[in-house]
Every structure is written in C-alpha cells, then in structure tokens.
C-alpha cells in the first residue's frame, strides 16, 4: 500500500506470457531521489525479499491459504535451482563488496524449510 506522502514507488506486474512489467514514479527533489535510490538498492541487494515473503505468508495465513504460500516458495526454489546460484557462476572478483552476504536463494530456502 502506498503512503500518501511517498517519495516514489515501483510496481511490478506479470502478464500471461511471464513477462514482468515495471512502472516507477518518484518526486524530483533530492531527498526523494535519494529515498528512491534506497528502494532500488534494497530490491537489488535482496533485502526486500525476506520482508515480502513474510508479508505474503501473513496474508496467506490470514486468508487460510497456506498452500498457496507453499506453492510460491516451491516455484521460487525451483527457479533458483534451475538458474543456478549466480554468485557461484560469476567470475571471481577481487572486489568482495560485489558479493552479497546472504543470497536470495538462501532466504527462499530458509522460508521453504518453515513448512
């Protein structure tokens, strides 16, 4: 849910062909641009994945559809495994700052182990 005074937002949608579409908007003042950059950073780093999965789990439990949540996790796990672990496949980089501390795969697998 978007706050009325939000400095920006990103909306992802997926169509029937599994194409992911993106819409974004932000305010042009420097503080809002900085906050929007924070949002992009959290998306890229995987920090939002855990919070998103927690939110989805709570919603599914509230609606009595825990099986849907489990199906989401199983499908994500299958996708992560079929694509391999990107950090393992990437060329070794001297700059350790480019390697995430916790990969999104580990987060998804940890949530999957909750069932």
C-alpha atoms as a PDB file:
ATOM      1  CA  UNK A   1       0.000   0.000   0.000  1.00  0.00           C
ATOM      2  CA  UNK A   2       1.417   3.363  -0.998  1.00  0.00           C
ATOM      3  CA  UNK A   3       1.725   6.123   1.560  1.00  0.00           C
ATOM      4  CA  UNK A   4       0.112   9.419   0.569  1.00  0.00           C
ATOM      5  CA  UNK A   5       3.409  11.250   1.021  1.00  0.00           C
ATOM      6  CA  UNK A   6       5.585   8.626  -0.653  1.00  0.00           C
ATOM      7  CA  UNK A   7       8.679   9.955  -2.442  1.00  0.00           C
ATOM      8  CA  UNK A   8       8.421   7.169  -5.017  1.00  0.00           C
ATOM      9  CA  UNK A   9       7.188   3.732  -5.926  1.00  0.00           C
ATOM     10  CA  UNK A  10       7.884   0.766  -8.153  1.00  0.00           C
ATOM     11  CA  UNK A  11       5.122  -1.551  -9.313  1.00  0.00           C
ATOM     12  CA  UNK A  12       5.820  -4.915 -10.918  1.00  0.00           C
ATOM     13  CA  UNK A  13       3.188  -6.880 -12.824  1.00  0.00           C
ATOM     14  CA  UNK A  14       3.422 -10.104 -14.772  1.00  0.00           C
ATOM     15  CA  UNK A  15       1.397 -10.994 -17.841  1.00  0.00           C
ATOM     16  CA  UNK A  16       0.207 -14.396 -19.073  1.00  0.00           C
ATOM     17  CA  UNK A  17       3.448 -14.825 -21.049  1.00  0.00           C
ATOM     18  CA  UNK A  18       5.513 -14.462 -17.845  1.00  0.00           C
ATOM     19  CA  UNK A  19       6.804 -11.083 -18.974  1.00  0.00           C
ATOM     20  CA  UNK A  20       7.439  -8.829 -15.972  1.00  0.00           C
ATOM     21  CA  UNK A  21       6.401  -5.216 -16.479  1.00  0.00           C
ATOM     22  CA  UNK A  22       7.614  -2.293 -14.403  1.00  0.00           C
ATOM     23  CA  UNK A  23       6.165   1.098 -13.586  1.00  0.00           C
ATOM     24  CA  UNK A  24       8.042   3.624 -11.483  1.00  0.00           C
ATOM     25  CA  UNK A  25       7.443   7.141 -10.280  1.00  0.00           C
ATOM     26  CA  UNK A  26       9.249   9.442  -7.899  1.00  0.00           C
ATOM     27  CA  UNK A  27       9.399  13.031  -6.777  1.00  0.00           C
ATOM     28  CA  UNK A  28      12.196  15.128  -8.234  1.00  0.00           C
ATOM     29  CA  UNK A  29      13.574  16.725  -5.067  1.00  0.00           C
ATOM     30  CA  UNK A  30      16.967  15.416  -3.959  1.00  0.00           C
ATOM     31  CA  UNK A  31      15.714  13.797  -0.739  1.00  0.00           C
ATOM     32  CA  UNK A  32      13.079  11.842  -2.685  1.00  0.00           C
ATOM     33  CA  UNK A  33      15.599  10.777  -5.314  1.00  0.00           C
ATOM     34  CA  UNK A  34      17.879   9.524  -2.509  1.00  0.00           C
ATOM     35  CA  UNK A  35      14.988   7.568  -0.953  1.00  0.00           C
ATOM     36  CA  UNK A  36      14.061   6.133  -4.348  1.00  0.00           C
ATOM     37  CA  UNK A  37      17.696   5.043  -4.752  1.00  0.00           C
ATOM     38  CA  UNK A  38      17.394   3.306  -1.369  1.00  0.00           C
ATOM     39  CA  UNK A  39      14.386   1.407  -2.676  1.00  0.00           C
ATOM     40  CA  UNK A  40      16.322   0.328  -5.758  1.00  0.00           C
ATOM     41  CA  UNK A  41      19.264  -0.732  -3.593  1.00  0.00           C
ATOM     42  CA  UNK A  42      17.047  -2.853  -1.351  1.00  0.00           C
ATOM     43  CA  UNK A  43      15.480  -4.517  -4.388  1.00  0.00           C
ATOM     44  CA  UNK A  44      18.888  -5.250  -5.907  1.00  0.00           C
ATOM     45  CA  UNK A  45      20.507  -6.461  -2.683  1.00  0.00           C
ATOM     46  CA  UNK A  46      17.669  -8.897  -1.896  1.00  0.00           C
ATOM     47  CA  UNK A  47      16.783  -7.146   1.364  1.00  0.00           C
ATOM     48  CA  UNK A  48      13.158  -6.796   0.293  1.00  0.00           C
ATOM     49  CA  UNK A  49      12.747 -10.498  -0.480  1.00  0.00           C
ATOM     50  CA  UNK A  50      12.605 -11.599   3.150  1.00  0.00           C
ATOM     51  CA  UNK A  51      10.125  -8.876   4.109  1.00  0.00           C
ATOM     52  CA  UNK A  52       7.998  -9.608   1.056  1.00  0.00           C
ATOM     53  CA  UNK A  53       7.894 -13.333   1.835  1.00  0.00           C
ATOM     54  CA  UNK A  54       6.999 -12.615   5.462  1.00  0.00           C
ATOM     55  CA  UNK A  55       4.166 -10.319   4.317  1.00  0.00           C
ATOM     56  CA  UNK A  56       2.877 -12.921   1.829  1.00  0.00           C
ATOM     57  CA  UNK A  57       2.971 -15.639   4.471  1.00  0.00           C
ATOM     58  CA  UNK A  58       0.962 -13.498   6.907  1.00  0.00           C
ATOM     59  CA  UNK A  59      -1.599 -12.678   4.199  1.00  0.00           C
ATOM     60  CA  UNK A  60      -1.924 -16.326   3.164  1.00  0.00           C
ATOM     61  CA  UNK A  61      -2.318 -17.473   6.776  1.00  0.00           C
ATOM     62  CA  UNK A  62      -4.926 -14.761   7.378  1.00  0.00           C
ATOM     63  CA  UNK A  63      -6.855 -15.924   4.296  1.00  0.00           C
ATOM     64  CA  UNK A  64      -6.431 -19.622   5.148  1.00  0.00           C
ATOM     65  CA  UNK A  65      -4.397 -20.283   2.009  1.00  0.00           C
ATOM     66  CA  UNK A  66      -1.085 -21.537   3.409  1.00  0.00           C
ATOM     67  CA  UNK A  67      -0.852 -23.974   0.496  1.00  0.00           C
ATOM     68  CA  UNK A  68      -0.642 -21.040  -1.931  1.00  0.00           C
ATOM     69  CA  UNK A  69       2.287 -19.638   0.032  1.00  0.00           C
ATOM     70  CA  UNK A  70       3.956 -23.037  -0.031  1.00  0.00           C
ATOM     71  CA  UNK A  71       3.399 -23.275  -3.807  1.00  0.00           C
ATOM     72  CA  UNK A  72       5.026 -19.853  -4.252  1.00  0.00           C
ATOM     73  CA  UNK A  73       8.080 -20.973  -2.278  1.00  0.00           C
ATOM     74  CA  UNK A  74       8.370 -24.274  -4.146  1.00  0.00           C
ATOM     75  CA  UNK A  75       8.143 -22.465  -7.510  1.00  0.00           C
ATOM     76  CA  UNK A  76      10.756 -19.891  -6.406  1.00  0.00           C
ATOM     77  CA  UNK A  77      13.041 -22.636  -5.181  1.00  0.00           C
ATOM     78  CA  UNK A  78      12.703 -24.458  -8.499  1.00  0.00           C
ATOM     79  CA  UNK A  79      13.554 -21.252 -10.380  1.00  0.00           C
ATOM     80  CA  UNK A  80      16.580 -20.518  -8.195  1.00  0.00           C
ATOM     81  CA  UNK A  81      17.855 -24.066  -8.630  1.00  0.00           C
ATOM     82  CA  UNK A  82      17.275 -24.164 -12.386  1.00  0.00           C
ATOM     83  CA  UNK A  83      19.170 -20.890 -12.839  1.00  0.00           C
ATOM     84  CA  UNK A  84      21.977 -21.974 -10.544  1.00  0.00           C
ATOM     85  CA  UNK A  85      23.496 -19.790  -7.914  1.00  0.00           C
ATOM     86  CA  UNK A  86      24.591 -16.625  -9.719  1.00  0.00           C
ATOM     87  CA  UNK A  87      27.257 -15.868  -7.144  1.00  0.00           C
ATOM     88  CA  UNK A  88      28.887 -19.257  -7.755  1.00  0.00           C
ATOM     89  CA  UNK A  89      28.747 -18.881 -11.528  1.00  0.00           C
ATOM     90  CA  UNK A  90      30.119 -15.339 -11.597  1.00  0.00           C
ATOM     91  CA  UNK A  91      33.797 -14.834 -12.278  1.00  0.00           C
ATOM     92  CA  UNK A  92      35.829 -14.404  -9.137  1.00  0.00           C
ATOM     93  CA  UNK A  93      36.016 -10.711  -8.404  1.00  0.00           C
ATOM     94  CA  UNK A  94      38.797  -9.098  -6.382  1.00  0.00           C
ATOM     95  CA  UNK A  95      36.253  -6.668  -5.010  1.00  0.00           C
ATOM     96  CA  UNK A  96      34.421  -8.608  -2.283  1.00  0.00           C
ATOM     97  CA  UNK A  97      31.877  -5.779  -1.946  1.00  0.00           C
ATOM     98  CA  UNK A  98      30.081  -7.145  -5.032  1.00  0.00           C
ATOM     99  CA  UNK A  99      29.282 -10.470  -3.335  1.00  0.00           C
ATOM    100  CA  UNK A 100      26.057 -10.471  -1.285  1.00  0.00           C
ATOM    101  CA  UNK A 101      26.340 -11.541   2.337  1.00  0.00           C
ATOM    102  CA  UNK A 102      23.175 -13.626   2.064  1.00  0.00           C
ATOM    103  CA  UNK A 103      21.966 -14.764  -1.326  1.00  0.00           C
ATOM    104  CA  UNK A 104      18.266 -14.556  -2.191  1.00  0.00           C
ATOM    105  CA  UNK A 105      18.399 -18.340  -2.701  1.00  0.00           C
ATOM    106  CA  UNK A 106      19.310 -18.866   0.943  1.00  0.00           C
ATOM    107  CA  UNK A 107      16.449 -16.634   2.076  1.00  0.00           C
ATOM    108  CA  UNK A 108      13.941 -18.525  -0.077  1.00  0.00           C
ATOM    109  CA  UNK A 109      15.261 -21.901   1.078  1.00  0.00           C
ATOM    110  CA  UNK A 110      15.051 -20.807   4.726  1.00  0.00           C
ATOM    111  CA  UNK A 111      11.400 -19.856   4.237  1.00  0.00           C
ATOM    112  CA  UNK A 112      10.720 -23.104   2.411  1.00  0.00           C
ATOM    113  CA  UNK A 113      12.139 -25.050   5.363  1.00  0.00           C
ATOM    114  CA  UNK A 114       9.440 -23.497   7.585  1.00  0.00           C
ATOM    115  CA  UNK A 115       6.881 -25.913   6.098  1.00  0.00           C
END
